[in-house]
Amino acid sequence: MLWMIVVSILIRITGEMTLAQMRQALFEAICELEDELAIGHTQSASLFINPTNGLGDKVVARNSLGGVVSRVTKKGPYRPAAEEYNI
């Protein structure tokens, strides 16, 4: 009998911050997965953010036409520019 364990890892970042700070915190969490847990691949990832105005008040994300945006989907894998241009 073959046992298969399905495991997801939750990365949780708390507190209000700029998107640049959020990006850095995510980068550090992913580095920890690589360096300390020896995880080198993932099948997919989901990130939920709660946009604010910087004062703690929630805001609604809108596109250039004023429509509400609740989802952004990107297709992977991402190829680094250095790889694209053979640098």
PDB file of N, CA and C in Angstrom:
ATOM      1  N   MET A   1       0.834  -1.166   0.000  1.00  0.00           N
ATOM      2  CA  MET A   1       0.000   0.000   0.000  1.00  0.00           C
ATOM      3  C   MET A   1       0.890   1.244   0.000  1.00  0.00           C
ATOM      4  N   LEU A   2       0.592   2.188  -0.867  1.00  0.00           N
ATOM      5  CA  LEU A   2       1.355   3.423  -0.987  1.00  0.00           C
ATOM      6  C   LEU A   2       0.605   4.529  -0.252  1.00  0.00           C
ATOM      7  N   TRP A   3       1.268   5.167   0.691  1.00  0.00           N
ATOM      8  CA  TRP A   3       0.668   6.274   1.433  1.00  0.00           C
ATOM      9  C   TRP A   3       1.165   7.584   0.845  1.00  0.00           C
ATOM     10  N   MET A   4       0.252   8.473   0.635  1.00  0.00           N
ATOM     11  CA  MET A   4       0.612   9.782   0.105  1.00  0.00           C
ATOM     12  C   MET A   4       0.073  10.848   1.043  1.00  0.00           C
ATOM     13  N   ILE A   5       0.930  11.720   1.476  1.00  0.00           N
ATOM     14  CA  ILE A   5       0.524  12.796   2.362  1.00  0.00           C
ATOM     15  C   ILE A   5       0.506  14.085   1.545  1.00  0.00           C
ATOM     16  N   VAL A   6      -0.612  14.759   1.560  1.00  0.00           N
ATOM     17  CA  VAL A   6      -0.741  16.030   0.863  1.00  0.00           C
ATOM     18  C   VAL A   6      -0.513  17.138   1.885  1.00  0.00           C
ATOM     19  N   VAL A   7       0.472  17.983   1.617  1.00  0.00           N
ATOM     20  CA  VAL A   7       0.828  19.026   2.566  1.00  0.00           C
ATOM     21  C   VAL A   7       0.906  20.363   1.846  1.00  0.00           C
ATOM     22  N   SER A   8       0.261  21.339   2.422  1.00  0.00           N
ATOM     23  CA  SER A   8       0.416  22.719   1.983  1.00  0.00           C
ATOM     24  C   SER A   8       1.105  23.472   3.098  1.00  0.00           C
ATOM     25  N   ILE A   9       1.836  24.480   2.750  1.00  0.00           N
ATOM     26  CA  ILE A   9       2.512  25.293   3.751  1.00  0.00           C
ATOM     27  C   ILE A   9       1.900  26.687   3.717  1.00  0.00           C
ATOM     28  N   LEU A  10       1.439  27.144   4.861  1.00  0.00           N
ATOM     29  CA  LEU A  10       0.861  28.473   4.995  1.00  0.00           C
ATOM     30  C   LEU A  10       1.957  29.460   5.351  1.00  0.00           C
ATOM     31  N   ILE A  11       2.083  30.489   4.545  1.00  0.00           N
ATOM     32  CA  ILE A  11       2.967  31.607   4.865  1.00  0.00           C
ATOM     33  C   ILE A  11       2.041  32.742   5.279  1.00  0.00           C
ATOM     34  N   ARG A  12       2.155  33.167   6.517  1.00  0.00           N
ATOM     35  CA  ARG A  12       1.273  34.215   7.016  1.00  0.00           C
ATOM     36  C   ARG A  12       2.109  35.423   7.415  1.00  0.00           C
ATOM     37  N   ILE A  13       1.752  36.577   6.866  1.00  0.00           N
ATOM     38  CA  ILE A  13       2.451  37.821   7.158  1.00  0.00           C
ATOM     39  C   ILE A  13       1.405  38.771   7.733  1.00  0.00           C
ATOM     40  N   THR A  14       1.631  39.243   8.948  1.00  0.00           N
ATOM     41  CA  THR A  14       0.618  40.042   9.635  1.00  0.00           C
ATOM     42  C   THR A  14       1.040  41.494   9.756  1.00  0.00           C
ATOM     43  N   GLY A  15       0.061  42.351   9.938  1.00  0.00           N
ATOM     44  CA  GLY A  15       0.305  43.775  10.135  1.00  0.00           C
ATOM     45  C   GLY A  15       0.171  44.557   8.843  1.00  0.00           C
ATOM     46  N   GLU A  16      -0.175  45.820   8.989  1.00  0.00           N
ATOM     47  CA  GLU A  16      -0.297  46.678   7.809  1.00  0.00           C
ATOM     48  C   GLU A  16       1.081  47.096   7.333  1.00  0.00           C
ATOM     49  N   MET A  17       1.302  47.042   6.020  1.00  0.00           N
ATOM     50  CA  MET A  17       2.593  47.393   5.443  1.00  0.00           C
ATOM     51  C   MET A  17       2.400  47.801   3.992  1.00  0.00           C
ATOM     52  N   THR A  18       3.423  48.401   3.428  1.00  0.00           N
ATOM     53  CA  THR A  18       3.384  48.740   2.006  1.00  0.00           C
ATOM     54  C   THR A  18       3.538  47.463   1.189  1.00  0.00           C
ATOM     55  N   LEU A  19       3.209  47.522  -0.074  1.00  0.00           N
ATOM     56  CA  LEU A  19       3.393  46.344  -0.926  1.00  0.00           C
ATOM     57  C   LEU A  19       4.874  46.006  -1.073  1.00  0.00           C
ATOM     58  N   ALA A  20       5.739  47.009  -1.044  1.00  0.00           N
ATOM     59  CA  ALA A  20       7.184  46.734  -1.091  1.00  0.00           C
ATOM     60  C   ALA A  20       7.618  45.937   0.145  1.00  0.00           C
ATOM     61  N   GLN A  21       7.094  46.293   1.300  1.00  0.00           N
ATOM     62  CA  GLN A  21       7.412  45.552   2.520  1.00  0.00           C
ATOM     63  C   GLN A  21       6.831  44.145   2.462  1.00  0.00           C
ATOM     64  N   MET A  22       5.620  44.005   1.916  1.00  0.00           N
ATOM     65  CA  MET A  22       4.989  42.692   1.761  1.00  0.00           C
ATOM     66  C   MET A  22       5.821  41.820   0.824  1.00  0.00           C
ATOM     67  N   ARG A  23       6.275  42.412  -0.277  1.00  0.00           N
ATOM     68  CA  ARG A  23       7.100  41.679  -1.248  1.00  0.00           C
ATOM     69  C   ARG A  23       8.372  41.169  -0.576  1.00  0.00           C
ATOM     70  N   GLN A  24       9.012  42.006   0.243  1.00  0.00           N
ATOM     71  CA  GLN A  24      10.235  41.609   0.935  1.00  0.00           C
ATOM     72  C   GLN A  24       9.956  40.488   1.925  1.00  0.00           C
ATOM     73  N   ALA A  25       8.852  40.597   2.662  1.00  0.00           N
ATOM     74  CA  ALA A  25       8.504  39.554   3.637  1.00  0.00           C
ATOM     75  C   ALA A  25       8.233  38.232   2.933  1.00  0.00           C
ATOM     76  N   LEU A  26       7.546  38.272   1.793  1.00  0.00           N
ATOM     77  CA  LEU A  26       7.300  37.047   1.020  1.00  0.00           C
ATOM     78  C   LEU A  26       8.609  36.462   0.503  1.00  0.00           C
ATOM     79  N   PHE A  27       9.481  37.325   0.012  1.00  0.00           N
ATOM     80  CA  PHE A  27      10.783  36.882  -0.484  1.00  0.00           C
ATOM     81  C   PHE A  27      11.552  36.157   0.620  1.00  0.00           C
ATOM     82  N   GLU A  28      11.559  36.746   1.822  1.00  0.00           N
ATOM     83  CA  GLU A  28      12.277  36.133   2.935  1.00  0.00           C
ATOM     84  C   GLU A  28      11.648  34.802   3.347  1.00  0.00           C
ATOM     85  N   ALA A  29      10.317  34.719   3.304  1.00  0.00           N
ATOM     86  CA  ALA A  29       9.641  33.464   3.658  1.00  0.00           C
ATOM     87  C   ALA A  29       9.961  32.377   2.632  1.00  0.00           C
ATOM     88  N   ILE A  30       9.989  32.731   1.363  1.00  0.00           N
ATOM     89  CA  ILE A  30      10.297  31.752   0.316  1.00  0.00           C
ATOM     90  C   ILE A  30      11.764  31.319   0.418  1.00  0.00           C
ATOM     91  N   CYS A  31      12.648  32.247   0.729  1.00  0.00           N
ATOM     92  CA  CYS A  31      14.056  31.884   0.936  1.00  0.00           C
ATOM     93  C   CYS A  31      14.183  30.894   2.086  1.00  0.00           C
ATOM     94  N   GLU A  32      13.389  31.090   3.128  1.00  0.00           N
ATOM     95  CA  GLU A  32      13.410  30.161   4.262  1.00  0.00           C
ATOM     96  C   GLU A  32      12.959  28.767   3.832  1.00  0.00           C
ATOM     97  N   LEU A  33      11.946  28.697   2.971  1.00  0.00           N
ATOM     98  CA  LEU A  33      11.502  27.395   2.463  1.00  0.00           C
ATOM     99  C   LEU A  33      12.629  26.699   1.721  1.00  0.00           C
ATOM    100  N   GLU A  34      13.350  27.458   0.906  1.00  0.00           N
ATOM    101  CA  GLU A  34      14.455  26.890   0.133  1.00  0.00           C
ATOM    102  C   GLU A  34      15.631  26.494   1.025  1.00  0.00           C
ATOM    103  N   ASP A  35      16.072  27.429   1.856  1.00  0.00           N
ATOM    104  CA  ASP A  35      17.302  27.246   2.618  1.00  0.00           C
ATOM    105  C   ASP A  35      17.156  26.315   3.820  1.00  0.00           C
ATOM    106  N   GLU A  36      16.069  26.458   4.570  1.00  0.00           N
ATOM    107  CA  GLU A  36      15.936  25.705   5.814  1.00  0.00           C
ATOM    108  C   GLU A  36      15.100  24.442   5.681  1.00  0.00           C
ATOM    109  N   LEU A  37      14.191  24.410   4.703  1.00  0.00           N
ATOM    110  CA  LEU A  37      13.326  23.247   4.546  1.00  0.00           C
ATOM    111  C   LEU A  37      13.622  22.448   3.281  1.00  0.00           C
ATOM    112  N   ALA A  38      14.591  22.901   2.494  1.00  0.00           N
ATOM    113  CA  ALA A  38      15.029  22.210   1.273  1.00  0.00           C
ATOM    114  C   ALA A  38      13.889  21.985   0.288  1.00  0.00           C
ATOM    115  N   ILE A  39      12.978  22.953   0.209  1.00  0.00           N
ATOM    116  CA  ILE A  39      11.890  22.870  -0.770  1.00  0.00           C
ATOM    117  C   ILE A  39      12.339  23.612  -2.021  1.00  0.00           C
ATOM    118  N   GLY A  40      12.323  22.917  -3.139  1.00  0.00           N
ATOM    119  CA  GLY A  40      12.808  23.509  -4.376  1.00  0.00           C
ATOM    120  C   GLY A  40      11.747  23.708  -5.435  1.00  0.00           C
ATOM    121  N   HIS A  41      10.569  23.140  -5.232  1.00  0.00           N
ATOM    122  CA  HIS A  41       9.509  23.241  -6.247  1.00  0.00           C
ATOM    123  C   HIS A  41       8.149  23.413  -5.573  1.00  0.00           C
ATOM    124  N   THR A  42       7.218  23.956  -6.320  1.00  0.00           N
ATOM    125  CA  THR A  42       5.829  24.045  -5.871  1.00  0.00           C
ATOM    126  C   THR A  42       4.924  23.893  -7.074  1.00  0.00           C
ATOM    127  N   GLN A  43       3.743  23.401  -6.844  1.00  0.00           N
ATOM    128  CA  GLN A  43       2.804  23.227  -7.945  1.00  0.00           C
ATOM    129  C   GLN A  43       2.040  24.511  -8.230  1.00  0.00           C
ATOM    130  N   SER A  44       1.695  25.237  -7.194  1.00  0.00           N
ATOM    131  CA  SER A  44       0.976  26.490  -7.357  1.00  0.00           C
ATOM    132  C   SER A  44       1.028  27.254  -6.048  1.00  0.00           C
ATOM    133  N   ALA A  45       0.526  28.470  -6.081  1.00  0.00           N
ATOM    134  CA  ALA A  45       0.480  29.286  -4.867  1.00  0.00           C
ATOM    135  C   ALA A  45      -0.685  30.254  -4.977  1.00  0.00           C
ATOM    136  N   SER A  46      -1.267  30.570  -3.850  1.00  0.00           N
ATOM    137  CA  SER A  46      -2.335  31.569  -3.781  1.00  0.00           C
ATOM    138  C   SER A  46      -1.951  32.593  -2.729  1.00  0.00           C
ATOM    139  N   LEU A  47      -2.218  33.840  -3.025  1.00  0.00           N
ATOM    140  CA  LEU A  47      -1.930  34.914  -2.096  1.00  0.00           C
ATOM    141  C   LEU A  47      -3.181  35.776  -1.984  1.00  0.00           C
ATOM    142  N   PHE A  48      -3.653  35.958  -0.782  1.00  0.00           N
ATOM    143  CA  PHE A  48      -4.809  36.820  -0.529  1.00  0.00           C
ATOM    144  C   PHE A  48      -4.302  38.059   0.190  1.00  0.00           C
ATOM    145  N   ILE A  49      -4.598  39.238  -0.348  1.00  0.00           N
ATOM    146  CA  ILE A  49      -4.204  40.461   0.330  1.00  0.00           C
ATOM    147  C   ILE A  49      -5.455  41.250   0.701  1.00  0.00           C
ATOM    148  N   ASN A  50      -5.320  42.052   1.719  1.00  0.00           N
ATOM    149  CA  ASN A  50      -6.408  42.909   2.193  1.00  0.00           C
ATOM    150  C   ASN A  50      -5.966  44.355   2.023  1.00  0.00           C
ATOM    151  N   PRO A  51      -6.295  44.985   0.880  1.00  0.00           N
ATOM    152  CA  PRO A  51      -5.798  46.339   0.605  1.00  0.00           C
ATOM    153  C   PRO A  51      -6.326  47.362   1.613  1.00  0.00           C
ATOM    154  N   THR A  52      -5.435  48.281   1.985  1.00  0.00           N
ATOM    155  CA  THR A  52      -5.810  49.371   2.892  1.00  0.00           C
ATOM    156  C   THR A  52      -5.302  50.690   2.322  1.00  0.00           C
ATOM    157  N   ASN A  53      -5.685  51.769   2.969  1.00  0.00           N
ATOM    158  CA  ASN A  53      -5.245  53.100   2.540  1.00  0.00           C
ATOM    159  C   ASN A  53      -4.003  53.576   3.285  1.00  0.00           C
ATOM    160  N   GLY A  54      -3.381  52.711   4.054  1.00  0.00           N
ATOM    161  CA  GLY A  54      -2.202  53.083   4.824  1.00  0.00           C
ATOM    162  C   GLY A  54      -2.546  53.563   6.221  1.00  0.00           C
ATOM    163  N   LEU A  55      -3.835  53.749   6.472  1.00  0.00           N
ATOM    164  CA  LEU A  55      -4.299  54.180   7.792  1.00  0.00           C
ATOM    165  C   LEU A  55      -5.129  53.098   8.460  1.00  0.00           C
ATOM    166  N   GLY A  56      -5.149  51.921   7.846  1.00  0.00           N
ATOM    167  CA  GLY A  56      -5.901  50.803   8.411  1.00  0.00           C
ATOM    168  C   GLY A  56      -7.302  50.643   7.858  1.00  0.00           C
ATOM    169  N   ASP A  57      -7.737  51.575   7.018  1.00  0.00           N
ATOM    170  CA  ASP A  57      -9.079  51.481   6.424  1.00  0.00           C
ATOM    171  C   ASP A  57      -9.029  50.629   5.170  1.00  0.00           C
ATOM    172  N   LYS A  58      -9.960  49.693   5.042  1.00  0.00           N
ATOM    173  CA  LYS A  58     -10.017  48.832   3.867  1.00  0.00           C
ATOM    174  C   LYS A  58     -10.416  49.641   2.638  1.00  0.00           C
ATOM    175  N   VAL A  59      -9.844  49.275   1.489  1.00  0.00           N
ATOM    176  CA  VAL A  59     -10.183  49.914   0.219  1.00  0.00           C
ATOM    177  C   VAL A  59     -10.544  48.837  -0.798  1.00  0.00           C
ATOM    178  N   VAL A  60     -11.255  49.239  -1.836  1.00  0.00           N
ATOM    179  CA  VAL A  60     -11.646  48.332  -2.905  1.00  0.00           C
ATOM    180  C   VAL A  60     -10.711  48.571  -4.090  1.00  0.00           C
ATOM    181  N   ALA A  61     -10.089  47.511  -4.591  1.00  0.00           N
ATOM    182  CA  ALA A  61      -9.213  47.620  -5.756  1.00  0.00           C
ATOM    183  C   ALA A  61     -10.068  47.786  -7.010  1.00  0.00           C
ATOM    184  N   ARG A  62      -9.707  48.754  -7.843  1.00  0.00           N
ATOM    185  CA  ARG A  62     -10.454  49.026  -9.069  1.00  0.00           C
ATOM    186  C   ARG A  62      -9.493  49.162 -10.245  1.00  0.00           C
ATOM    187  N   ASN A  63      -9.968  48.735 -11.421  1.00  0.00           N
ATOM    188  CA  ASN A  63      -9.151  48.873 -12.627  1.00  0.00           C
ATOM    189  C   ASN A  63      -9.313  50.281 -13.201  1.00  0.00           C
ATOM    190  N   SER A  64      -8.681  50.531 -14.334  1.00  0.00           N
ATOM    191  CA  SER A  64      -8.692  51.878 -14.921  1.00  0.00           C
ATOM    192  C   SER A  64     -10.083  52.323 -15.365  1.00  0.00           C
ATOM    193  N   LEU A  65     -11.014  51.392 -15.553  1.00  0.00           N
ATOM    194  CA  LEU A  65     -12.383  51.734 -15.938  1.00  0.00           C
ATOM    195  C   LEU A  65     -13.314  51.832 -14.735  1.00  0.00           C
ATOM    196  N   GLY A  66     -12.782  51.646 -13.537  1.00  0.00           N
ATOM    197  CA  GLY A  66     -13.570  51.745 -12.328  1.00  0.00           C
ATOM    198  C   GLY A  66     -14.179  50.437 -11.859  1.00  0.00           C
ATOM    199  N   GLY A  67     -13.923  49.354 -12.589  1.00  0.00           N
ATOM    200  CA  GLY A  67     -14.459  48.053 -12.203  1.00  0.00           C
ATOM    201  C   GLY A  67     -13.715  47.464 -11.011  1.00  0.00           C
ATOM    202  N   VAL A  68     -14.433  46.745 -10.179  1.00  0.00           N
ATOM    203  CA  VAL A  68     -13.828  46.102  -9.002  1.00  0.00           C
ATOM    204  C   VAL A  68     -12.944  44.935  -9.449  1.00  0.00           C
ATOM    205  N   VAL A  69     -11.761  44.862  -8.885  1.00  0.00           N
ATOM    206  CA  VAL A  69     -10.825  43.776  -9.172  1.00  0.00           C
ATOM    207  C   VAL A  69     -10.711  42.906  -7.924  1.00  0.00           C
ATOM    208  N   SER A  70     -11.036  41.625  -8.087  1.00  0.00           N
ATOM    209  CA  SER A  70     -10.953  40.713  -6.945  1.00  0.00           C
ATOM    210  C   SER A  70     -10.016  39.538  -7.215  1.00  0.00           C
ATOM    211  N   ARG A  71      -9.453  39.480  -8.411  1.00  0.00           N
ATOM    212  CA  ARG A  71      -8.579  38.351  -8.758  1.00  0.00           C
ATOM    213  C   ARG A  71      -7.552  38.789  -9.793  1.00  0.00           C
ATOM    214  N   VAL A  72      -6.323  38.361  -9.580  1.00  0.00           N
ATOM    215  CA  VAL A  72      -5.247  38.546 -10.555  1.00  0.00           C
ATOM    216  C   VAL A  72      -4.616  37.175 -10.735  1.00  0.00           C
ATOM    217  N   THR A  73      -4.599  36.673 -11.962  1.00  0.00           N
ATOM    218  CA  THR A  73      -4.037  35.352 -12.228  1.00  0.00           C
ATOM    219  C   THR A  73      -2.849  35.493 -13.173  1.00  0.00           C
ATOM    220  N   LYS A  74      -1.755  34.882 -12.807  1.00  0.00           N
ATOM    221  CA  LYS A  74      -0.564  34.876 -13.642  1.00  0.00           C
ATOM    222  C   LYS A  74      -0.202  33.445 -13.971  1.00  0.00           C
ATOM    223  N   LYS A  75       0.164  33.213 -15.221  1.00  0.00           N
ATOM    224  CA  LYS A  75       0.547  31.873 -15.656  1.00  0.00           C
ATOM    225  C   LYS A  75       2.058  31.712 -15.495  1.00  0.00           C
ATOM    226  N   GLY A  76       2.471  30.641 -14.888  1.00  0.00           N
ATOM    227  CA  GLY A  76       3.894  30.363 -14.698  1.00  0.00           C
ATOM    228  C   GLY A  76       4.353  29.349 -15.717  1.00  0.00           C
ATOM    229  N   PRO A  77       5.592  28.988 -15.747  1.00  0.00           N
ATOM    230  CA  PRO A  77       6.624  29.533 -14.878  1.00  0.00           C
ATOM    231  C   PRO A  77       7.179  30.849 -15.412  1.00  0.00           C
ATOM    232  N   TYR A  78       7.676  31.630 -14.506  1.00  0.00           N
ATOM    233  CA  TYR A  78       8.296  32.907 -14.828  1.00  0.00           C
ATOM    234  C   TYR A  78       9.736  32.658 -15.252  1.00  0.00           C
ATOM    235  N   ARG A  79      10.122  33.218 -16.383  1.00  0.00           N
ATOM    236  CA  ARG A  79      11.515  33.103 -16.836  1.00  0.00           C
ATOM    237  C   ARG A  79      12.246  34.392 -16.516  1.00  0.00           C
ATOM    238  N   PRO A  80      13.346  34.318 -15.791  1.00  0.00           N
ATOM    239  CA  PRO A  80      14.114  35.522 -15.484  1.00  0.00           C
ATOM    240  C   PRO A  80      14.613  36.196 -16.763  1.00  0.00           C
ATOM    241  N   ALA A  81      14.707  37.509 -16.728  1.00  0.00           N
ATOM    242  CA  ALA A  81      15.182  38.263 -17.887  1.00  0.00           C
ATOM    243  C   ALA A  81      16.570  37.809 -18.316  1.00  0.00           C
ATOM    244  N   ALA A  82      17.422  37.483 -17.350  1.00  0.00           N
ATOM    245  CA  ALA A  82      18.785  37.041 -17.681  1.00  0.00           C
ATOM    246  C   ALA A  82      18.738  35.764 -18.526  1.00  0.00           C
ATOM    247  N   GLU A  83      17.822  34.879 -18.210  1.00  0.00           N
ATOM    248  CA  GLU A  83      17.678  33.643 -18.979  1.00  0.00           C
ATOM    249  C   GLU A  83      17.112  33.944 -20.367  1.00  0.00           C
ATOM    250  N   GLU A  84      16.162  34.864 -20.424  1.00  0.00           N
ATOM    251  CA  GLU A  84      15.526  35.234 -21.692  1.00  0.00           C
ATOM    252  C   GLU A  84      16.531  35.818 -22.679  1.00  0.00           C
ATOM    253  N   TYR A  85      17.467  36.629 -22.158  1.00  0.00           N
ATOM    254  CA  TYR A  85      18.433  37.314 -23.023  1.00  0.00           C
ATOM    255  C   TYR A  85      19.822  36.680 -22.963  1.00  0.00           C
ATOM    256  N   ASN A  86      19.931  35.473 -22.407  1.00  0.00           N
ATOM    257  CA  ASN A  86      21.197  34.758 -22.329  1.00  0.00           C
ATOM    258  C   ASN A  86      22.307  35.568 -21.685  1.00  0.00           C
ATOM    259  N   ILE A  87      21.992  36.203 -20.580  1.00  0.00           N
ATOM    260  CA  ILE A  87      22.983  37.030 -19.868  1.00  0.00           C
ATOM    261  C   ILE A  87      23.715  36.164 -18.866  1.00  0.00           C
TER     262      ILE A  87
END
